[in-house]
């Protein structure tokens, strides 16, 4: 299981059957006789869906839904795409409201959106006039520990976080999850490195302990300003994606930067 549900949802989730630990097959999904299929990524149930296409589900009389947070990206039919514009949580709020309407719990959706808006505004109020041009790298994982790092591009959810913080993502590409060499990262020399935490272990650098060991021992990475200063922050990797966890990631990073004395 790569990304366990949030603690506050654990009890409700305990009674939900699990189709697969990673990606279920089309047969496994339809074998549950679903009334409705919802997916986060276009690559899962889009035109080239790895699980199945929306047309396949429709042929069986099963309506489907794909998160607008992913549909807003481009070139992502079969893989991570790019974002021409900075991601905004308004897309997440739209998803919450749409799903709440589908399940006839609109009031609950509105309450959740209001809570997220209030939490975001609280961070903005807290940092008003305090933030500086802090350069940040968001490291999700890597297929090989010493190979190119899979990092967050400038316009995804991590870009939104840096925007609220008044910070700057050192990765300036529009690609949502580009792979970048450590030599290129060294040239950018971020002041802070945020490493993704997850239970998934499908790539060599999924384990945050592996990431930390690499940063401290690799000849190039260990010379980075963020590493030398100890400016390394662990964050739920799914907070780097446009999810319910993104606002929590914003709060955690804001608190971490305060703790490091970077917002004084």
Protein backbone atom coordinates (compact mmCIF):
# COMPACT_ATOMS: atom_id res chain seq x y z
CA UNK A 1 0.00 0.00 0.00
CA UNK A 2 1.75 3.15 -1.22
CA UNK A 3 -0.29 5.92 0.35
CA UNK A 4 -2.41 5.00 3.38
CA UNK A 5 -5.57 7.00 3.93
CA UNK A 6 -5.50 9.96 6.27
CA UNK A 7 -5.70 9.09 9.96
CA UNK A 8 -9.10 10.74 10.32
CA UNK A 9 -10.46 8.46 7.58
CA UNK A 10 -8.90 5.22 8.79
CA UNK A 11 -11.96 3.91 10.64
CA UNK A 12 -14.28 4.53 7.69
CA UNK A 13 -11.75 3.03 5.29
CA UNK A 14 -11.34 -0.14 7.36
CA UNK A 15 -14.62 -1.48 6.02
CA UNK A 16 -13.87 -0.72 2.37
CA UNK A 17 -12.74 -3.76 0.32
CA UNK A 18 -9.36 -3.26 -1.36
CA UNK A 19 -9.06 -4.35 -5.01
CA UNK A 20 -5.27 -4.11 -5.26
CA UNK A 21 -2.28 -2.70 -3.42
CA UNK A 22 -1.20 -0.71 -6.44
CA UNK A 23 -3.22 -0.65 -9.66
CA UNK A 24 -6.20 -2.99 -10.10
CA UNK A 25 -7.05 -4.71 -13.36
CA UNK A 26 -10.20 -3.87 -15.29
CA UNK A 27 -11.55 -7.28 -14.35
CA UNK A 28 -10.90 -6.67 -10.65
CA UNK A 29 -12.81 -3.39 -10.78
CA UNK A 30 -15.84 -4.64 -12.68
CA UNK A 31 -15.81 -7.79 -10.56
CA UNK A 32 -16.99 -5.65 -7.64
CA UNK A 33 -20.13 -4.71 -9.63
CA UNK A 34 -19.55 -0.98 -9.14
CA UNK A 35 -22.32 1.60 -9.48
CA UNK A 36 -19.74 4.31 -10.12
CA UNK A 37 -15.99 4.55 -10.82
CA UNK A 38 -13.93 7.58 -9.79
CA UNK A 39 -10.25 8.07 -10.66
CA UNK A 40 -7.65 10.68 -9.86
CA UNK A 41 -5.61 10.30 -13.05
CA UNK A 42 -6.54 10.44 -16.73
CA UNK A 43 -3.90 7.78 -17.36
CA UNK A 44 -5.96 5.36 -15.26
CA UNK A 45 -9.34 5.58 -16.99
CA UNK A 46 -8.78 7.96 -19.90
CA UNK A 47 -8.54 7.14 -23.62
CA UNK A 48 -5.53 4.89 -22.97
CA UNK A 49 -6.51 3.97 -19.43
CA UNK A 50 -4.18 1.50 -17.75
CA UNK A 51 -7.11 0.11 -15.78
CA UNK A 52 -9.81 0.65 -18.40
CA UNK A 53 -11.29 3.38 -20.55
CA UNK A 54 -14.41 5.33 -19.69
CA UNK A 55 -15.99 3.81 -22.80
CA UNK A 56 -15.36 0.31 -21.46
CA UNK A 57 -17.07 1.17 -18.20
CA UNK A 58 -19.91 2.93 -20.04
CA UNK A 59 -20.47 -0.18 -22.16
CA UNK A 60 -21.20 -2.01 -18.90
CA UNK A 61 -23.52 0.74 -17.73
CA UNK A 62 -21.04 2.09 -15.17
CA UNK A 63 -20.64 5.89 -15.07
CA UNK A 64 -17.14 7.21 -14.38
CA UNK A 65 -15.46 10.38 -13.16
CA UNK A 66 -11.92 11.74 -13.48
CA UNK A 67 -10.57 14.44 -11.21
CA UNK A 68 -10.54 17.91 -12.82
CA UNK A 69 -7.20 18.48 -11.07
CA UNK A 70 -5.66 16.02 -13.56
CA UNK A 71 -7.78 16.93 -16.58
CA UNK A 72 -6.35 20.43 -16.27
CA UNK A 73 -2.89 19.06 -17.13
CA UNK A 74 -1.87 18.37 -20.74
CA UNK A 75 -0.19 15.45 -22.51
CA UNK A 76 -1.09 13.20 -19.59
CA UNK A 77 -3.24 10.58 -21.29
CA UNK A 78 -0.75 7.81 -20.59
CA UNK A 79 1.78 9.46 -18.27
CA UNK A 80 2.49 12.58 -16.24
CA UNK A 81 1.80 15.65 -18.30
CA UNK A 82 2.58 19.33 -18.06
CA UNK A 83 0.74 22.37 -16.76
CA UNK A 84 0.81 25.62 -18.68
CA UNK A 85 -0.60 27.50 -15.70
CA UNK A 86 -0.12 27.28 -11.95
CA UNK A 87 -2.39 24.70 -10.34
CA UNK A 88 -5.02 26.19 -8.07
CA UNK A 89 -6.95 24.50 -5.25
CA UNK A 90 -10.12 25.79 -6.92
CA UNK A 91 -9.84 22.65 -9.07
CA UNK A 92 -9.73 20.51 -5.94
CA UNK A 93 -12.68 22.36 -4.46
CA UNK A 94 -14.61 21.79 -7.68
CA UNK A 95 -13.92 18.06 -7.41
CA UNK A 96 -15.10 17.97 -3.80
CA UNK A 97 -18.29 19.81 -4.70
CA UNK A 98 -18.96 17.60 -7.73
CA UNK A 99 -18.42 14.36 -5.87
CA UNK A 100 -20.49 15.63 -2.96
CA UNK A 101 -23.32 16.41 -5.39
CA UNK A 102 -23.04 12.98 -7.01
CA UNK A 103 -23.40 11.29 -3.63
CA UNK A 104 -26.07 13.74 -2.48
CA UNK A 105 -24.02 15.17 0.39
CA UNK A 106 -23.50 18.69 -0.97
CA UNK A 107 -23.62 20.30 2.46
CA UNK A 108 -20.74 18.15 3.65
CA UNK A 109 -18.76 19.06 0.56
CA UNK A 110 -19.33 22.74 1.17
CA UNK A 111 -18.19 22.37 4.77
CA UNK A 112 -14.99 20.63 3.70
CA UNK A 113 -14.22 23.27 1.07
CA UNK A 114 -14.84 26.05 3.60
CA UNK A 115 -12.42 24.39 6.02
CA UNK A 116 -9.70 24.15 3.37
CA UNK A 117 -10.19 27.78 2.36
CA UNK A 118 -9.93 28.89 5.98
CA UNK A 119 -6.75 26.87 6.53
CA UNK A 120 -5.13 28.31 3.42
CA UNK A 121 -6.05 31.84 4.41
CA UNK A 122 -4.68 31.26 7.91
CA UNK A 123 -1.28 30.41 6.40
CA UNK A 124 -1.40 33.48 4.18
CA UNK A 125 -2.27 35.69 7.16
CA UNK A 126 0.49 34.14 9.27
CA UNK A 127 3.14 34.75 6.64
CA UNK A 128 2.01 38.18 5.45
CA UNK A 129 5.08 40.36 5.03
CA UNK A 130 7.42 37.65 6.31
CA UNK A 131 8.23 35.35 3.39
CA UNK A 132 11.31 35.78 1.27
CA UNK A 133 12.59 34.41 -2.03
CA UNK A 134 13.45 30.96 -0.64
CA UNK A 135 14.46 28.42 -3.28
CA UNK A 136 12.98 24.95 -2.80
CA UNK A 137 13.33 21.52 -4.44
CA UNK A 138 10.54 18.96 -4.06
CA UNK A 139 11.96 15.42 -4.44
CA UNK A 140 9.23 12.81 -4.89
CA UNK A 141 11.35 9.73 -5.67
CA UNK A 142 13.83 8.21 -8.15
CA UNK A 143 13.93 4.98 -10.14
CA UNK A 144 17.61 4.70 -9.14
CA UNK A 145 18.83 6.35 -5.96
CA UNK A 146 21.81 8.07 -7.58
CA UNK A 147 20.02 8.54 -10.89
CA UNK A 148 17.93 11.45 -12.03
CA UNK A 149 15.52 12.65 -9.34
CA UNK A 150 11.79 12.73 -10.02
CA UNK A 151 10.92 16.20 -8.81
CA UNK A 152 7.99 18.60 -8.88
CA UNK A 153 7.69 21.06 -11.74
CA UNK A 154 6.83 24.69 -11.16
CA UNK A 155 3.09 24.63 -11.91
CA UNK A 156 1.81 21.62 -9.98
CA UNK A 157 0.51 21.42 -6.42
CA UNK A 158 4.03 21.97 -5.08
CA UNK A 159 4.23 25.12 -7.20
CA UNK A 160 1.03 26.33 -5.57
CA UNK A 161 2.60 25.73 -2.15
CA UNK A 162 5.71 27.73 -3.01
CA UNK A 163 3.53 30.51 -4.44
CA UNK A 164 1.56 30.85 -1.20
CA UNK A 165 4.80 30.82 0.79
CA UNK A 166 6.37 33.48 -1.41
CA UNK A 167 9.07 30.94 -2.23
CA UNK A 168 10.48 29.69 -5.53
CA UNK A 169 10.68 26.21 -7.03
CA UNK A 170 14.17 25.75 -8.49
CA UNK A 171 12.70 23.45 -11.15
CA UNK A 172 11.27 25.82 -13.75
CA UNK A 173 9.85 23.37 -16.27
CA UNK A 174 6.12 23.13 -16.97
CA UNK A 175 6.33 19.32 -16.82
CA UNK A 176 4.51 18.20 -13.70
CA UNK A 177 7.03 15.50 -12.67
CA UNK A 178 10.29 15.90 -14.62
CA UNK A 179 13.39 13.82 -13.98
CA UNK A 180 16.35 16.08 -13.23
CA UNK A 181 20.02 15.23 -12.75
CA UNK A 182 21.74 16.04 -9.48
CA UNK A 183 24.29 18.07 -11.42
CA UNK A 184 21.47 20.33 -12.63
CA UNK A 185 20.06 20.47 -9.11
CA UNK A 186 23.52 21.43 -7.80
CA UNK A 187 23.61 24.31 -10.28
CA UNK A 188 20.27 25.56 -8.96
CA UNK A 189 21.46 24.90 -5.37
CA UNK A 190 18.13 25.05 -3.49
CA UNK A 191 18.03 26.53 0.00
CA UNK A 192 15.52 23.87 1.10
CA UNK A 193 14.91 20.29 -0.04
CA UNK A 194 11.51 18.73 0.60
CA UNK A 195 11.55 14.94 0.37
CA UNK A 196 8.43 12.88 -0.17
CA UNK A 197 7.44 10.26 2.39
CA UNK A 198 5.37 7.22 1.43
CA UNK A 199 4.88 3.56 2.26
CA UNK A 200 5.21 2.60 -1.40
CA UNK A 201 8.43 0.75 -2.25
CA UNK A 202 8.26 0.35 -6.03
CA UNK A 203 11.15 2.71 -6.83
CA UNK A 204 14.62 2.75 -5.34
CA UNK A 205 14.25 6.12 -3.62
CA UNK A 206 10.69 5.75 -2.32
CA UNK A 207 11.93 5.28 1.26
CA UNK A 208 12.65 8.71 2.83
CA UNK A 209 15.50 7.15 4.82
CA UNK A 210 17.15 6.21 1.51
CA UNK A 211 16.71 9.78 0.27
CA UNK A 212 18.30 11.18 3.43
CA UNK A 213 21.25 8.79 3.26
CA UNK A 214 21.87 9.74 -0.37
CA UNK A 215 21.76 13.45 0.39
CA UNK A 216 24.28 13.03 3.19
CA UNK A 217 26.73 10.77 1.36
CA UNK A 218 26.61 11.52 -2.36
CA UNK A 219 29.54 13.77 -3.38
CA UNK A 220 27.33 16.15 -5.35
CA UNK A 221 24.18 16.15 -3.21
CA UNK A 222 26.04 16.43 0.10
CA UNK A 223 27.58 19.73 -1.04
CA UNK A 224 24.19 21.38 -1.65
CA UNK A 225 23.45 24.41 0.51
CA UNK A 226 20.22 22.85 1.81
CA UNK A 227 22.04 19.71 2.93
CA UNK A 228 24.95 21.56 4.53
CA UNK A 229 22.51 23.78 6.45
CA UNK A 230 20.23 20.89 7.44
CA UNK A 231 17.32 22.46 5.58
CA UNK A 232 15.63 19.17 4.69
CA UNK A 233 11.91 18.78 5.28
CA UNK A 234 9.92 15.55 5.06
CA UNK A 235 6.43 15.84 3.57
CA UNK A 236 3.70 13.39 2.65
CA UNK A 237 4.44 12.73 -1.02
CA UNK A 238 0.76 12.96 -1.86
CA UNK A 239 0.74 16.54 -0.58
CA UNK A 240 2.96 17.28 -3.59
CA UNK A 241 0.11 16.07 -5.81
CA UNK A 242 -3.19 17.95 -6.12
CA UNK A 243 -5.03 16.05 -3.38
CA UNK A 244 -6.83 16.54 -0.07
CA UNK A 245 -3.36 16.53 1.50
CA UNK A 246 -2.02 19.57 -0.36
CA UNK A 247 -3.27 22.13 2.16
CA UNK A 248 -1.75 20.02 4.93
CA UNK A 249 1.54 20.08 3.02
CA UNK A 250 1.32 23.86 2.80
CA UNK A 251 0.79 24.09 6.55
CA UNK A 252 3.65 21.68 7.31
CA UNK A 253 6.16 23.43 5.06
CA UNK A 254 5.21 26.86 6.40
CA UNK A 255 5.77 25.62 9.95
CA UNK A 256 9.07 23.97 8.93
CA UNK A 257 10.39 27.13 7.28
CA UNK A 258 9.46 29.10 10.40
CA UNK A 259 11.28 26.54 12.53
CA UNK A 260 14.37 26.82 10.37
CA UNK A 261 14.33 30.60 10.80
CA UNK A 262 13.89 31.21 7.09
CA UNK A 263 10.83 33.42 7.43
CA UNK A 264 12.16 35.83 10.05
